[in-house]
C-alpha atoms as a PDB file:
ATOM      1  CA  MET A   1      89.325  74.510 169.405  1.00  0.00           C
ATOM      2  CA  ASN A   2      91.783  74.482 172.437  1.00  0.00           C
ATOM      3  CA  THR A   3      94.080  77.284 172.378  1.00  0.00           C
ATOM      4  CA  GLU A   4      97.161  74.942 171.855  1.00  0.00           C
ATOM      5  CA  THR A   5      95.834  74.240 168.460  1.00  0.00           C
ATOM      6  CA  TYR A   6      95.747  77.981 167.384  1.00  0.00           C
ATOM      7  CA  ILE A   7      99.102  78.286 168.896  1.00  0.00           C
ATOM      8  CA  GLN A   8     100.427  75.768 166.239  1.00  0.00           C
ATOM      9  CA  PHE A   9      98.780  77.348 163.640  1.00  0.00           C
ATOM     10  CA  PHE A  10      99.876  80.850 163.867  1.00  0.00           C
ATOM     11  CA  LYS A  11     103.598  79.183 164.560  1.00  0.00           C
ATOM     12  CA  ALA A  12     103.393  77.694 160.919  1.00  0.00           C
ATOM     13  CA  LEU A  13     102.468  81.010 159.886  1.00  0.00           C
ATOM     14  CA  SER A  14     105.337  82.899 162.045  1.00  0.00           C
ATOM     15  CA  SER A  15     108.290  81.465 160.137  1.00  0.00           C
ATOM     16  CA  ASP A  16     109.781  83.805 157.725  1.00  0.00           C
ATOM     17  CA  THR A  17     110.529  81.003 155.339  1.00  0.00           C
ATOM     18  CA  ARG A  18     107.049  79.219 155.418  1.00  0.00           C
ATOM     19  CA  LEU A  19     105.308  82.411 155.054  1.00  0.00           C
ATOM     20  CA  SER A  20     107.305  83.310 151.863  1.00  0.00           C
ATOM     21  CA  ILE A  21     106.564  79.977 150.462  1.00  0.00           C
ATOM     22  CA  ILE A  22     102.701  80.649 151.167  1.00  0.00           C
ATOM     23  CA  LEU A  23     102.736  83.862 149.417  1.00  0.00           C
ATOM     24  CA  CYS A  24     104.735  82.457 146.529  1.00  0.00           C
ATOM     25  CA  LEU A  25     102.383  79.994 145.975  1.00  0.00           C
ATOM     26  CA  GLU A  26      99.334  82.383 146.301  1.00  0.00           C
ATOM     27  CA  LYS A  27      99.114  83.014 142.304  1.00  0.00           C
ATOM     28  CA  ASN A  28     100.235  79.649 140.882  1.00  0.00           C
ATOM     29  CA  SER A  29     101.463  76.255 141.937  1.00  0.00           C
ATOM     30  CA  LYS A  30     104.932  75.689 141.897  1.00  0.00           C
ATOM     31  CA  ASN A  31     107.566  72.967 142.124  1.00  0.00           C
ATOM     32  CA  VAL A  32     110.314  73.012 144.618  1.00  0.00           C
ATOM     33  CA  THR A  33     112.913  74.310 142.085  1.00  0.00           C
ATOM     34  CA  GLU A  34     110.730  77.223 141.154  1.00  0.00           C
ATOM     35  CA  ILE A  35     110.024  78.168 144.632  1.00  0.00           C
ATOM     36  CA  VAL A  36     113.960  77.950 145.413  1.00  0.00           C
ATOM     37  CA  ASN A  37     114.455  80.099 142.256  1.00  0.00           C
ATOM     38  CA  GLU A  38     111.665  82.596 143.330  1.00  0.00           C
ATOM     39  CA  LEU A  39     113.069  82.820 146.820  1.00  0.00           C
ATOM     40  CA  LYS A  40     116.307  82.768 146.454  1.00  0.00           C
ATOM     41  CA  MET A  41     116.740  79.849 149.562  1.00  0.00           C
ATOM     42  CA  GLU A  42     118.298  76.386 149.996  1.00  0.00           C
ATOM     43  CA  GLN A  43     116.764  73.698 148.412  1.00  0.00           C
ATOM     44  CA  SER A  44     116.826  71.833 151.671  1.00  0.00           C
ATOM     45  CA  ARG A  45     115.351  74.730 153.712  1.00  0.00           C
ATOM     46  CA  ILE A  46     112.358  75.129 151.162  1.00  0.00           C
ATOM     47  CA  SER A  47     111.911  71.249 151.281  1.00  0.00           C
ATOM     48  CA  HIS A  48     111.776  71.347 155.287  1.00  0.00           C
ATOM     49  CA  ASN A  49     109.429  73.672 155.224  1.00  0.00           C
ATOM     50  CA  LEU A  50     107.153  72.540 152.279  1.00  0.00           C
ATOM     51  CA  GLN A  51     107.088  69.430 154.521  1.00  0.00           C
ATOM     52  CA  CYS A  52     105.539  71.516 157.450  1.00  0.00           C
ATOM     53  CA  LEU A  53     103.310  73.231 155.217  1.00  0.00           C
ATOM     54  CA  GLU A  54     101.708  70.291 153.912  1.00  0.00           C
ATOM     55  CA  LYS A  55     101.439  68.329 156.877  1.00  0.00           C
ATOM     56  CA  ASN A  56      99.531  70.821 158.214  1.00  0.00           C
ATOM     57  CA  GLY A  57      97.489  71.679 155.498  1.00  0.00           C
ATOM     58  CA  PHE A  58      98.771  74.815 154.264  1.00  0.00           C
ATOM     59  CA  VAL A  59      99.512  73.480 150.928  1.00  0.00           C
ATOM     60  CA  THR A  60      98.608  70.576 149.001  1.00  0.00           C
ATOM     61  CA  VAL A  61     100.709  68.398 146.570  1.00  0.00           C
ATOM     62  CA  LYS A  62     100.146  66.580 143.475  1.00  0.00           C
ATOM     63  CA  GLN A  63     102.883  64.349 141.704  1.00  0.00           C
ATOM     64  CA  ASN A  64     103.777  65.322 138.081  1.00  0.00           C
ATOM     65  CA  GLY A  65     105.965  62.550 136.741  1.00  0.00           C
ATOM     66  CA  LYS A  66     109.130  62.993 138.976  1.00  0.00           C
ATOM     67  CA  GLN A  67     108.123  66.641 140.162  1.00  0.00           C
ATOM     68  CA  ARG A  68     105.681  67.222 143.289  1.00  0.00           C
ATOM     69  CA  ILE A  69     103.531  70.629 142.255  1.00  0.00           C
ATOM     70  CA  TYR A  70     102.899  72.598 145.530  1.00  0.00           C
ATOM     71  CA  SER A  71      99.700  74.452 145.720  1.00  0.00           C
ATOM     72  CA  LEU A  72      98.004  77.039 148.335  1.00  0.00           C
ATOM     73  CA  ASN A  73      94.874  75.819 149.911  1.00  0.00           C
ATOM     74  CA  LYS A  74      92.511  77.454 148.338  1.00  0.00           C
ATOM     75  CA  ASP A  75      89.746  76.848 150.647  1.00  0.00           C
ATOM     76  CA  THR A  76      90.908  78.102 153.698  1.00  0.00           C
ATOM     77  CA  ILE A  77      94.518  79.384 153.414  1.00  0.00           C
ATOM     78  CA  ALA A  78      93.760  81.696 150.393  1.00  0.00           C
ATOM     79  CA  PRO A  79      90.868  83.442 152.005  1.00  0.00           C
ATOM     80  CA  ILE A  80      93.012  84.034 155.393  1.00  0.00           C
ATOM     81  CA  LEU A  81      95.315  85.779 153.073  1.00  0.00           C
ATOM     82  CA  LYS A  82      92.882  87.886 151.617  1.00  0.00           C
ATOM     83  CA  ASP A  83      91.492  88.695 154.837  1.00  0.00           C
ATOM     84  CA  THR A  84      94.746  89.560 156.269  1.00  0.00           C
ATOM     85  CA  LYS A  85      95.571  91.952 153.345  1.00  0.00           C
ATOM     86  CA  LYS A  86      92.290  93.735 153.724  1.00  0.00           C
ATOM     87  CA  HIS A  87      93.079  93.841 157.575  1.00  0.00           C
ATOM     88  CA  THR A  88      96.767  95.359 157.187  1.00  0.00           C
ATOM     89  CA  GLN A  89      95.459  97.828 154.566  1.00  0.00           C
ATOM     90  CA  LYS A  90      92.631  99.158 156.727  1.00  0.00           C
ATOM     91  CA  TYR A  91      94.530  99.395 160.039  1.00  0.00           C
ATOM     92  CA  ASN A  92      97.915 100.343 158.358  1.00  0.00           C
ATOM     93  CA  ILE A  93      99.505  97.560 160.408  1.00  0.00           C
ATOM     94  CA  ASN A  94     103.217  98.578 161.529  1.00  0.00           C
ATOM     95  CA  ARG A  95     105.600  96.641 163.451  1.00  0.00           C
ATOM     96  CA  CYS A  96     105.085  96.191 167.049  1.00  0.00           C
END
């Protein structure tokens, strides 16, 4: 992998909105309305950021009638969150 690939990966995580969505989906799948209600953000902002997350494989989406149900990528992103929590707890990460 080249450096640009890593940069794009971490850019996706560096957005407060996208990271909030990822953490919102950590425990269970949700539709856009549920995410909007939980995060108290505008629907268009959530939808725009979900597109980016889906495009880059952070979340998956399934159609359920008229609803799109978003889930965290359990194979790759969920373990990263688990390892991040472990790291931040071990090293007591604070703002730089």
